[in-house]
Amino acid sequence: MNQVMLIVLGIVAGIFGGMFGIGGGTILIPALVYLFGLTQHQAQGTTLAIMIPPIGLLAALRYWQAGNVKIPMAGLICLGFFIGGLFGANFVQNLSDPLLKRLFGLYLLFVSVEMILGK
């Protein structure tokens, strides 16, 4: 794998994460699958590993400085994500890669249609 391209991918995901609060699901996973040849499982696991260090710390700090972070809410969601992530990771290990890829695509389609047509 080209290390420079991986760093560029991280920068792009970081820019989108800082701008829109997205990155893993919408930028990293498709790029890892279609540009770097990972399976859906590998891409999702790699993206989760990326979130272990405080990758969003500087962006979150900037949002906090502007008064745009609700710390108690973020803490509770973080706790739920910590627990839910284990359940989700256990569940998908038994799914086939093509099924997981289709489910992921349906999720992205639902979100995109809702964002475009919703209120």
Protein backbone atom coordinates (compact mmCIF):
# COMPACT_ATOMS: atom_id res chain seq x y z
CA MET A 1 0.00 0.00 0.00
CA ASN A 2 1.17 3.47 -0.80
CA GLN A 3 1.82 5.20 2.52
CA VAL A 4 1.49 8.68 1.02
CA MET A 5 -1.94 7.83 -0.39
CA LEU A 6 -3.06 6.56 3.02
CA ILE A 7 -1.94 9.83 4.61
CA VAL A 8 -3.76 11.80 1.88
CA LEU A 9 -6.88 9.72 2.54
CA GLY A 10 -6.58 10.55 6.24
CA ILE A 11 -6.23 14.26 5.45
CA VAL A 12 -9.28 14.20 3.18
CA ALA A 13 -11.32 12.33 5.79
CA GLY A 14 -10.09 14.75 8.44
CA ILE A 15 -11.10 17.77 6.36
CA PHE A 16 -14.59 16.34 5.78
CA GLY A 17 -14.78 15.31 9.45
CA GLY A 18 -13.88 18.82 10.54
CA MET A 19 -16.32 20.39 8.09
CA PHE A 20 -19.30 18.07 8.33
CA GLY A 21 -18.69 15.73 11.27
CA ILE A 22 -18.25 12.75 8.93
CA GLY A 23 -15.32 10.67 7.82
CA GLY A 24 -15.31 6.98 8.71
CA GLY A 25 -18.55 5.79 7.18
CA THR A 26 -18.73 8.06 4.19
CA ILE A 27 -15.11 8.65 3.23
CA LEU A 28 -12.80 6.04 4.74
CA ILE A 29 -14.79 2.84 4.30
CA PRO A 30 -15.62 3.31 0.60
CA ALA A 31 -12.04 4.45 -0.13
CA LEU A 32 -10.52 1.48 1.71
CA VAL A 33 -12.79 -0.94 -0.16
CA TYR A 34 -12.64 0.53 -3.67
CA LEU A 35 -9.23 2.20 -3.77
CA PHE A 36 -7.19 -0.02 -1.47
CA GLY A 37 -8.91 -3.38 -2.01
CA LEU A 38 -9.91 -4.16 1.57
CA THR A 39 -12.94 -6.30 2.29
CA GLN A 40 -15.92 -4.57 3.89
CA HIS A 41 -15.06 -6.21 7.21
CA GLN A 42 -11.43 -5.08 6.97
CA ALA A 43 -12.43 -1.53 6.04
CA GLN A 44 -14.85 -1.25 8.94
CA GLY A 45 -12.38 -2.74 11.41
CA THR A 46 -9.58 -0.47 10.16
CA THR A 47 -11.82 2.58 10.43
CA LEU A 48 -12.73 1.65 14.00
CA ALA A 49 -9.02 1.28 14.81
CA ILE A 50 -8.43 4.77 13.41
CA MET A 51 -10.91 6.18 15.93
CA ILE A 52 -8.99 4.79 18.91
CA PRO A 53 -6.51 7.67 19.16
CA PRO A 54 -8.02 11.11 19.63
CA ILE A 55 -8.22 11.84 15.90
CA GLY A 56 -11.08 14.27 16.32
CA LEU A 57 -9.53 16.06 19.28
CA LEU A 58 -8.33 19.18 17.45
CA ALA A 59 -11.51 19.55 15.42
CA ALA A 60 -13.66 18.99 18.52
CA LEU A 61 -11.55 21.52 20.44
CA ARG A 62 -12.19 24.12 17.76
CA TYR A 63 -15.92 23.41 17.84
CA TRP A 64 -15.82 23.62 21.67
CA GLN A 65 -14.01 26.97 21.53
CA ALA A 66 -16.84 28.27 19.35
CA GLY A 67 -19.42 27.00 21.85
CA ASN A 68 -20.63 24.21 19.59
CA VAL A 69 -19.97 21.11 21.72
CA LYS A 70 -22.40 19.80 24.31
CA ILE A 71 -20.00 17.93 26.60
CA PRO A 72 -22.57 16.03 28.75
CA MET A 73 -24.39 14.87 25.62
CA ALA A 74 -21.12 13.86 23.92
CA GLY A 75 -20.04 11.90 27.01
CA LEU A 76 -23.27 9.90 27.16
CA ILE A 77 -23.20 9.19 23.42
CA CYS A 78 -19.54 8.12 23.77
CA LEU A 79 -20.50 5.69 26.53
CA GLY A 80 -23.29 4.27 24.37
CA PHE A 81 -20.98 4.05 21.35
CA PHE A 82 -18.40 2.22 23.46
CA ILE A 83 -20.94 -0.44 24.44
CA GLY A 84 -22.86 -0.51 21.15
CA GLY A 85 -19.65 -0.83 19.15
CA LEU A 86 -18.93 -4.16 20.83
CA PHE A 87 -22.41 -5.49 20.07
CA GLY A 88 -22.26 -4.29 16.46
CA ALA A 89 -18.79 -5.72 15.92
CA ASN A 90 -19.87 -9.09 17.32
CA PHE A 91 -22.98 -9.15 15.12
CA VAL A 92 -21.30 -8.40 11.78
CA GLN A 93 -18.60 -11.04 12.14
CA ASN A 94 -21.17 -13.66 11.12
CA LEU A 95 -22.37 -11.78 8.01
CA SER A 96 -20.91 -12.45 4.60
CA ASP A 97 -18.84 -9.66 3.08
CA PRO A 98 -21.26 -9.11 0.15
CA LEU A 99 -24.24 -8.87 2.54
CA LEU A 100 -22.39 -6.45 4.81
CA LYS A 101 -21.41 -4.32 1.81
CA ARG A 102 -25.05 -4.21 0.63
CA LEU A 103 -26.32 -3.30 4.09
CA PHE A 104 -23.73 -0.54 4.32
CA GLY A 105 -24.74 0.75 0.88
CA LEU A 106 -28.42 0.75 1.86
CA TYR A 107 -27.57 2.70 4.99
CA LEU A 108 -25.68 5.32 2.95
CA LEU A 109 -28.54 5.48 0.43
CA PHE A 110 -31.10 6.01 3.18
CA VAL A 111 -29.02 8.75 4.77
CA SER A 112 -28.39 10.49 1.45
CA VAL A 113 -32.07 10.45 0.42
CA GLU A 114 -33.10 11.72 3.85
CA MET A 115 -30.50 14.51 3.70
CA ILE A 116 -31.58 15.54 0.20
CA LEU A 117 -35.37 15.20 0.53
CA GLY A 118 -35.94 15.52 4.29
CA LYS A 119 -36.75 18.63 6.28
